[in-house]
Amino acid sequence: MSEQWEPRIVAFFCTWCTYTAADLAGISRMTYAPNARIVRVMCSGRIDPQFVLKALADGADGVLIGGCHPGDCHYQAGNYKALRRYILLKRVLTEMGIEPERVRLEWISASEGDRVQKVMNEMAEQIRKLGPLQLERPSQPHRLLAKEFEVIAVRGGAR
């Protein structure tokens, strides 16, 4: 008997809106694909693109980012910052040969538990169709990544 492959998804959720909506979905006993591991962040604007790249490098097949609706951010413009980073990140992923569909950004307010259920199920299904993430492990890191890792090391973020 062979096991069916299930995608691994990392979900970075804003504590004020999307994480609260996920909590509401749980309290309301809404069922959704159990493929995601939720990481609670104070604001979607605090999600560094390196977090997403690290999640993918460490075995995630997809990453879901959830934040407050534009104009409703508790930190005024955090979600706009997240959107700008997301657009740039998708370009970088394409350059790296990773399907940009593996990363998704959604605006979900605290009262939208049903939307969390819908988005989680859609994301799991989308990643299932794409299949497992096959990262090549080159002996020489891509020059763009080498520069990024250099910046991280200078800031003290490399572990």
Protein backbone atom coordinates (compact mmCIF):
# COMPACT_ATOMS: atom_id res chain seq x y z
CA MET A 1 0.00 0.00 0.00
CA SER A 2 1.55 3.33 -1.06
CA GLU A 3 1.11 6.54 0.84
CA GLN A 4 -0.36 9.49 -1.04
CA TRP A 5 1.85 12.58 -0.97
CA GLU A 6 0.45 15.53 0.96
CA PRO A 7 1.82 19.06 0.57
CA ARG A 8 3.46 20.90 3.44
CA ILE A 9 2.40 24.53 3.71
CA VAL A 10 3.73 27.23 6.00
CA ALA A 11 1.21 30.00 6.73
CA PHE A 12 2.41 33.36 8.05
CA PHE A 13 -0.67 35.02 9.57
CA CYS A 14 -1.11 38.52 10.97
CA THR A 15 -2.08 38.24 14.63
CA TRP A 16 -4.80 40.90 14.43
CA CYS A 17 -6.80 39.63 11.48
CA THR A 18 -5.90 36.40 9.71
CA TYR A 19 -4.69 34.52 12.78
CA THR A 20 -7.84 35.60 14.64
CA ALA A 21 -9.92 34.41 11.67
CA ALA A 22 -8.15 31.04 11.79
CA ASP A 23 -8.96 30.88 15.50
CA LEU A 24 -12.59 31.69 14.70
CA ALA A 25 -12.64 28.89 12.10
CA GLY A 26 -11.34 26.48 14.74
CA ILE A 27 -13.80 27.60 17.40
CA SER A 28 -16.62 27.31 14.84
CA ARG A 29 -15.46 23.75 14.06
CA MET A 30 -14.91 24.51 10.39
CA THR A 31 -12.78 21.81 8.81
CA TYR A 32 -10.05 22.55 6.33
CA ALA A 33 -6.98 20.82 4.96
CA PRO A 34 -4.56 20.15 7.84
CA ASN A 35 -1.53 20.72 5.59
CA ALA A 36 -0.58 24.15 6.91
CA ARG A 37 1.49 25.05 9.93
CA ILE A 38 0.58 28.54 11.06
CA VAL A 39 3.25 30.99 12.14
CA ARG A 40 1.78 33.97 13.99
CA VAL A 41 3.38 37.34 13.19
CA MET A 42 2.43 40.77 14.51
CA CYS A 43 1.86 42.17 11.02
CA SER A 44 2.08 40.87 7.46
CA GLY A 45 4.41 43.80 6.79
CA ARG A 46 6.96 42.17 9.12
CA ILE A 47 7.31 39.09 6.92
CA ASP A 48 10.74 39.27 5.38
CA PRO A 49 11.01 37.51 1.99
CA GLN A 50 13.85 35.50 3.54
CA PHE A 51 11.26 33.86 5.83
CA VAL A 52 9.46 32.55 2.76
CA LEU A 53 12.67 31.40 1.07
CA LYS A 54 13.80 29.70 4.28
CA ALA A 55 10.46 27.89 4.62
CA LEU A 56 10.74 26.60 1.05
CA ALA A 57 14.40 25.63 1.53
CA ASP A 58 13.51 23.75 4.72
CA GLY A 59 10.89 21.55 3.06
CA ALA A 60 7.68 23.53 2.64
CA ASP A 61 5.94 22.97 -0.68
CA GLY A 62 4.05 26.27 -0.45
CA VAL A 63 3.73 29.40 1.65
CA LEU A 64 0.54 31.30 2.49
CA ILE A 65 0.71 34.87 3.75
CA GLY A 66 -2.36 36.34 5.42
CA GLY A 67 -2.92 39.92 6.49
CA CYS A 68 -5.51 42.58 7.20
CA HIS A 69 -7.47 44.09 4.34
CA PRO A 70 -5.82 47.18 2.81
CA GLY A 71 -6.76 50.19 4.89
CA ASP A 72 -7.45 48.08 8.00
CA CYS A 73 -3.88 47.39 9.13
CA HIS A 74 -3.31 47.95 12.85
CA TYR A 75 0.09 49.36 11.91
CA GLN A 76 -1.35 51.65 9.22
CA ALA A 77 0.57 50.52 6.11
CA GLY A 78 1.95 47.09 6.99
CA ASN A 79 -0.18 45.25 4.47
CA TYR A 80 0.92 47.59 1.67
CA LYS A 81 4.52 46.78 2.60
CA ALA A 82 3.64 43.07 2.49
CA LEU A 83 2.11 43.49 -0.97
CA ARG A 84 5.23 45.22 -2.34
CA ARG A 85 7.45 42.47 -0.92
CA TYR A 86 5.14 39.78 -2.26
CA ILE A 87 5.29 41.16 -5.80
CA LEU A 88 9.09 41.28 -5.70
CA LEU A 89 9.28 37.82 -4.12
CA LYS A 90 7.25 36.29 -6.94
CA ARG A 91 9.76 37.72 -9.44
CA VAL A 92 12.67 36.25 -7.47
CA LEU A 93 10.97 32.85 -7.28
CA THR A 94 10.46 32.86 -11.04
CA GLU A 95 14.14 33.69 -11.55
CA MET A 96 15.05 30.80 -9.24
CA GLY A 97 12.90 28.36 -11.24
CA ILE A 98 10.24 27.98 -8.53
CA GLU A 99 6.62 28.25 -9.55
CA PRO A 100 5.30 31.58 -8.20
CA GLU A 101 1.95 29.88 -7.52
CA ARG A 102 3.59 28.20 -4.51
CA VAL A 103 3.35 31.50 -2.62
CA ARG A 104 0.02 33.20 -2.03
CA LEU A 105 -1.04 36.44 -0.33
CA GLU A 106 -4.57 36.82 1.04
CA TRP A 107 -6.36 39.60 2.90
CA ILE A 108 -8.57 38.02 5.56
CA SER A 109 -10.22 39.98 8.39
CA ALA A 110 -10.83 38.65 11.90
CA SER A 111 -14.49 37.89 11.17
CA GLU A 112 -13.82 35.79 8.05
CA GLY A 113 -13.27 32.32 9.49
CA ASP A 114 -15.07 30.82 6.51
CA ARG A 115 -12.59 32.54 4.19
CA VAL A 116 -9.66 30.94 6.04
CA GLN A 117 -11.30 27.56 5.48
CA LYS A 118 -11.78 28.27 1.76
CA VAL A 119 -8.25 29.67 1.21
CA MET A 120 -6.55 26.82 3.11
CA ASN A 121 -8.41 24.21 1.06
CA GLU A 122 -7.67 26.02 -2.21
CA MET A 123 -3.99 26.39 -1.34
CA ALA A 124 -3.63 22.70 -0.44
CA GLU A 125 -5.33 21.68 -3.69
CA GLN A 126 -3.20 24.05 -5.76
CA ILE A 127 0.03 22.73 -4.24
CA ARG A 128 -1.19 19.15 -4.73
CA LYS A 129 -1.56 19.88 -8.45
CA LEU A 130 1.93 21.41 -8.61
CA GLY A 131 3.45 18.43 -6.81
CA PRO A 132 6.34 18.39 -4.37
CA LEU A 133 8.83 21.25 -4.56
CA GLN A 134 12.01 19.96 -6.16
CA LEU A 135 14.83 22.30 -5.23
CA GLU A 136 18.18 21.87 -6.88
CA ARG A 137 21.07 22.10 -4.46
CA PRO A 138 23.87 23.69 -6.51
CA SER A 139 27.43 23.58 -5.21
CA GLN A 140 27.72 27.31 -5.91
CA PRO A 141 24.82 29.42 -4.60
CA HIS A 142 23.11 31.68 -7.08
CA ARG A 143 24.82 35.08 -7.02
CA LEU A 144 21.60 36.82 -5.96
CA LEU A 145 21.18 34.45 -3.01
CA ALA A 146 24.86 34.76 -2.12
CA LYS A 147 24.41 38.51 -1.78
CA GLU A 148 21.25 38.06 0.30
CA PHE A 149 22.93 35.59 2.64
CA GLU A 150 25.83 38.02 3.02
CA VAL A 151 23.41 40.74 4.13
CA ILE A 152 21.73 38.38 6.60
CA ALA A 153 25.07 37.34 8.09
CA VAL A 154 26.05 41.00 8.59
CA ARG A 155 22.74 41.65 10.39
CA GLY A 156 23.27 38.58 12.54
CA GLY A 157 20.33 36.63 11.16
CA ALA A 158 22.23 33.63 9.80
CA ARG A 159 22.01 30.49 11.93
